[in-house]
Amino acid sequence: MGGQGRDFDAIVERLSLAPKVRAAVEGDFYSVLYLHTPTLPGGEVGVHSPVLNDTRLIAPRDWGNIWVYGLQIYVAGWLTKNEFRRKSKRLRPGSEVKQYRHTSTDNWAVAVRELRPMEELIEAAKKWGV
């Protein structure tokens, strides 16, 4: 389970879930960004927020992966969500972009030169045990 703390610091926790058994995380998650499992769960997985008093159930059919097959991906850098919010510029619908003729919805853009170097992220991931 990965997410962010109140100050947008990254939190990653590993849990082992037995069927029909609850497990609590140790970290103080402000937001949950992803859940990862090595295999597809055989039943629903619930995520409960005591602060929001809300539980979200994820059915087996709702899981998906973000693997990209047969393509090359270039990762030029990274930003925290907070940094992206501060540095990004709004692109209104109809804006011209390099990927396609024009945008059809609101988009947000940051210049590559504004990104943090990948080395920082790699070192942080090593510390998190990812």
C-alpha atoms as a PDB file:
ATOM      1  CA  MET A   1       0.000   0.000   0.000  1.00  0.00           C
ATOM      2  CA  GLY A   2       1.448   3.343  -0.954  1.00  0.00           C
ATOM      3  CA  GLY A   3       0.354   6.858  -0.262  1.00  0.00           C
ATOM      4  CA  GLN A   4       1.260  10.170   1.267  1.00  0.00           C
ATOM      5  CA  GLY A   5       1.376  11.665   4.733  1.00  0.00           C
ATOM      6  CA  ARG A   6      -0.072  15.051   5.626  1.00  0.00           C
ATOM      7  CA  ASP A   7       3.142  16.791   4.451  1.00  0.00           C
ATOM      8  CA  PHE A   8       3.074  14.853   1.136  1.00  0.00           C
ATOM      9  CA  ASP A   9       5.889  12.581   2.291  1.00  0.00           C
ATOM     10  CA  ALA A  10       5.766   9.113   0.740  1.00  0.00           C
ATOM     11  CA  ILE A  11       4.508   6.219   2.848  1.00  0.00           C
ATOM     12  CA  VAL A  12       4.832   2.591   1.754  1.00  0.00           C
ATOM     13  CA  GLU A  13       3.645  -0.292   3.930  1.00  0.00           C
ATOM     14  CA  ARG A  14       3.622  -4.017   3.295  1.00  0.00           C
ATOM     15  CA  LEU A  15       0.701  -5.976   4.699  1.00  0.00           C
ATOM     16  CA  SER A  16      -0.180  -9.628   4.653  1.00  0.00           C
ATOM     17  CA  LEU A  17      -3.952 -10.046   4.487  1.00  0.00           C
ATOM     18  CA  ALA A  18      -5.630 -13.323   5.347  1.00  0.00           C
ATOM     19  CA  PRO A  19      -9.215 -13.818   4.095  1.00  0.00           C
ATOM     20  CA  LYS A  20     -11.848 -12.113   6.277  1.00  0.00           C
ATOM     21  CA  VAL A  21      -9.206 -10.694   8.630  1.00  0.00           C
ATOM     22  CA  ARG A  22      -8.620  -6.987   9.220  1.00  0.00           C
ATOM     23  CA  ALA A  23      -5.155  -5.458   9.355  1.00  0.00           C
ATOM     24  CA  ALA A  24      -4.250  -1.940  10.421  1.00  0.00           C
ATOM     25  CA  VAL A  25      -1.438   0.093   8.922  1.00  0.00           C
ATOM     26  CA  GLU A  26       1.133   1.763  11.146  1.00  0.00           C
ATOM     27  CA  GLY A  27       1.560   4.935   9.089  1.00  0.00           C
ATOM     28  CA  ASP A  28      -0.663   7.986   9.224  1.00  0.00           C
ATOM     29  CA  PHE A  29      -1.906   8.065   5.616  1.00  0.00           C
ATOM     30  CA  TYR A  30      -3.306  11.359   4.357  1.00  0.00           C
ATOM     31  CA  SER A  31      -4.024   9.798   0.960  1.00  0.00           C
ATOM     32  CA  VAL A  32      -3.768   6.308  -0.521  1.00  0.00           C
ATOM     33  CA  LEU A  33      -2.277   6.319  -4.022  1.00  0.00           C
ATOM     34  CA  TYR A  34      -2.080   2.620  -4.812  1.00  0.00           C
ATOM     35  CA  LEU A  35      -2.500  -0.949  -3.645  1.00  0.00           C
ATOM     36  CA  HIS A  36      -0.312  -3.698  -5.059  1.00  0.00           C
ATOM     37  CA  THR A  37      -0.727  -7.454  -4.868  1.00  0.00           C
ATOM     38  CA  PRO A  38       1.467 -10.143  -6.413  1.00  0.00           C
ATOM     39  CA  THR A  39      -1.688 -12.041  -7.440  1.00  0.00           C
ATOM     40  CA  LEU A  40      -5.299 -11.055  -8.005  1.00  0.00           C
ATOM     41  CA  PRO A  41      -7.269 -11.260  -4.734  1.00  0.00           C
ATOM     42  CA  GLY A  42      -9.955 -13.950  -4.660  1.00  0.00           C
ATOM     43  CA  GLY A  43     -12.477 -11.639  -3.007  1.00  0.00           C
ATOM     44  CA  GLU A  44     -13.124  -8.030  -2.133  1.00  0.00           C
ATOM     45  CA  VAL A  45     -10.441  -5.978  -0.402  1.00  0.00           C
ATOM     46  CA  GLY A  46     -11.667  -3.156   1.792  1.00  0.00           C
ATOM     47  CA  VAL A  47      -9.819   0.029   2.685  1.00  0.00           C
ATOM     48  CA  HIS A  48     -11.247   1.937   5.645  1.00  0.00           C
ATOM     49  CA  SER A  49     -10.491   5.507   6.710  1.00  0.00           C
ATOM     50  CA  PRO A  50     -11.377   6.143  10.355  1.00  0.00           C
ATOM     51  CA  VAL A  51     -10.890   9.884   9.802  1.00  0.00           C
ATOM     52  CA  LEU A  52     -13.404   9.982   6.932  1.00  0.00           C
ATOM     53  CA  ASN A  53     -15.495   7.146   8.415  1.00  0.00           C
ATOM     54  CA  ASP A  54     -15.542   5.657   4.907  1.00  0.00           C
ATOM     55  CA  THR A  55     -14.781   2.211   3.532  1.00  0.00           C
ATOM     56  CA  ARG A  56     -14.026   1.495  -0.123  1.00  0.00           C
ATOM     57  CA  LEU A  57     -14.386  -2.074  -1.396  1.00  0.00           C
ATOM     58  CA  ILE A  58     -12.310  -3.278  -4.334  1.00  0.00           C
ATOM     59  CA  ALA A  59     -13.798  -6.277  -6.123  1.00  0.00           C
ATOM     60  CA  PRO A  60     -11.532  -8.693  -8.029  1.00  0.00           C
ATOM     61  CA  ARG A  61     -12.890  -7.344 -11.342  1.00  0.00           C
ATOM     62  CA  ASP A  62     -11.896  -3.782 -10.328  1.00  0.00           C
ATOM     63  CA  TRP A  63      -8.158  -4.501 -10.144  1.00  0.00           C
ATOM     64  CA  GLY A  64      -5.985  -3.504 -13.067  1.00  0.00           C
ATOM     65  CA  ASN A  65      -2.345  -3.052 -13.788  1.00  0.00           C
ATOM     66  CA  ILE A  66      -0.484  -0.134 -15.265  1.00  0.00           C
ATOM     67  CA  TRP A  67       2.056  -2.176 -17.192  1.00  0.00           C
ATOM     68  CA  VAL A  68       2.814  -0.836 -20.634  1.00  0.00           C
ATOM     69  CA  TYR A  69       3.725  -3.599 -23.058  1.00  0.00           C
ATOM     70  CA  GLY A  70       5.862  -3.172 -26.183  1.00  0.00           C
ATOM     71  CA  LEU A  71       6.622   0.523 -25.688  1.00  0.00           C
ATOM     72  CA  GLN A  72       9.600   2.507 -24.526  1.00  0.00           C
ATOM     73  CA  ILE A  73       9.041   4.859 -21.640  1.00  0.00           C
ATOM     74  CA  TYR A  74      11.391   7.694 -20.769  1.00  0.00           C
ATOM     75  CA  VAL A  75      11.113   8.981 -17.221  1.00  0.00           C
ATOM     76  CA  ALA A  76      12.671  12.427 -17.213  1.00  0.00           C
ATOM     77  CA  GLY A  77      12.105  13.283 -13.567  1.00  0.00           C
ATOM     78  CA  TRP A  78       9.510  13.563 -10.879  1.00  0.00           C
ATOM     79  CA  LEU A  79       7.654  15.911  -8.508  1.00  0.00           C
ATOM     80  CA  THR A  80       5.561  15.448  -5.406  1.00  0.00           C
ATOM     81  CA  LYS A  81       1.876  16.184  -5.811  1.00  0.00           C
ATOM     82  CA  ASN A  82       2.342  19.406  -3.840  1.00  0.00           C
ATOM     83  CA  GLU A  83       5.225  20.520  -6.079  1.00  0.00           C
ATOM     84  CA  PHE A  84       3.211  19.682  -9.196  1.00  0.00           C
ATOM     85  CA  ARG A  85       0.292  21.782  -7.945  1.00  0.00           C
ATOM     86  CA  ARG A  86       2.608  24.755  -7.341  1.00  0.00           C
ATOM     87  CA  LYS A  87       4.611  24.555 -10.581  1.00  0.00           C
ATOM     88  CA  SER A  88       2.060  23.386 -13.136  1.00  0.00           C
ATOM     89  CA  LYS A  89       0.303  25.622 -15.618  1.00  0.00           C
ATOM     90  CA  ARG A  90      -3.263  25.053 -16.743  1.00  0.00           C
ATOM     91  CA  LEU A  91      -3.873  24.101 -20.363  1.00  0.00           C
ATOM     92  CA  ARG A  92      -7.450  24.903 -21.306  1.00  0.00           C
ATOM     93  CA  PRO A  93      -9.464  22.708 -23.680  1.00  0.00           C
ATOM     94  CA  GLY A  94      -8.330  23.345 -27.248  1.00  0.00           C
ATOM     95  CA  SER A  95      -4.708  24.044 -26.279  1.00  0.00           C
ATOM     96  CA  GLU A  96      -2.109  22.840 -28.779  1.00  0.00           C
ATOM     97  CA  VAL A  97       0.263  20.170 -27.452  1.00  0.00           C
ATOM     98  CA  LYS A  98       2.997  18.018 -29.008  1.00  0.00           C
ATOM     99  CA  GLN A  99       1.295  14.671 -28.345  1.00  0.00           C
ATOM    100  CA  TYR A 100      -1.812  15.458 -30.401  1.00  0.00           C
ATOM    101  CA  ARG A 101      -3.468  18.345 -32.222  1.00  0.00           C
ATOM    102  CA  HIS A 102      -5.246  19.878 -29.210  1.00  0.00           C
ATOM    103  CA  THR A 103      -6.557  19.061 -25.760  1.00  0.00           C
ATOM    104  CA  SER A 104     -10.235  18.293 -25.275  1.00  0.00           C
ATOM    105  CA  THR A 105     -10.282  18.771 -21.482  1.00  0.00           C
ATOM    106  CA  ASP A 106      -8.390  20.805 -18.901  1.00  0.00           C
ATOM    107  CA  ASN A 107      -4.805  19.585 -18.556  1.00  0.00           C
ATOM    108  CA  TRP A 108      -1.906  20.633 -16.348  1.00  0.00           C
ATOM    109  CA  ALA A 109       1.681  20.889 -17.595  1.00  0.00           C
ATOM    110  CA  VAL A 110       5.156  21.285 -16.118  1.00  0.00           C
ATOM    111  CA  ALA A 111       8.338  21.885 -18.109  1.00  0.00           C
ATOM    112  CA  VAL A 112      10.824  19.009 -17.962  1.00  0.00           C
ATOM    113  CA  ARG A 113      13.466  21.391 -16.594  1.00  0.00           C
ATOM    114  CA  GLU A 114      11.236  21.851 -13.504  1.00  0.00           C
ATOM    115  CA  LEU A 115      11.363  18.127 -12.612  1.00  0.00           C
ATOM    116  CA  ARG A 116      13.486  16.706  -9.824  1.00  0.00           C
ATOM    117  CA  PRO A 117      16.243  14.259 -10.848  1.00  0.00           C
ATOM    118  CA  MET A 118      15.447  10.542 -10.897  1.00  0.00           C
ATOM    119  CA  GLU A 119      18.467   9.789  -8.708  1.00  0.00           C
ATOM    120  CA  GLU A 120      16.647  11.360  -5.727  1.00  0.00           C
ATOM    121  CA  LEU A 121      13.627   9.131  -6.267  1.00  0.00           C
ATOM    122  CA  ILE A 122      15.733   6.006  -6.722  1.00  0.00           C
ATOM    123  CA  GLU A 123      17.618   6.654  -3.476  1.00  0.00           C
ATOM    124  CA  ALA A 124      14.361   7.321  -1.617  1.00  0.00           C
ATOM    125  CA  ALA A 125      12.835   4.098  -2.988  1.00  0.00           C
ATOM    126  CA  LYS A 126      15.853   2.141  -1.752  1.00  0.00           C
ATOM    127  CA  LYS A 127      15.323   3.571   1.741  1.00  0.00           C
ATOM    128  CA  TRP A 128      11.630   2.622   1.608  1.00  0.00           C
ATOM    129  CA  GLY A 129      12.568  -0.920   0.623  1.00  0.00           C
ATOM    130  CA  VAL A 130      10.725  -0.745  -2.685  1.00  0.00           C
END
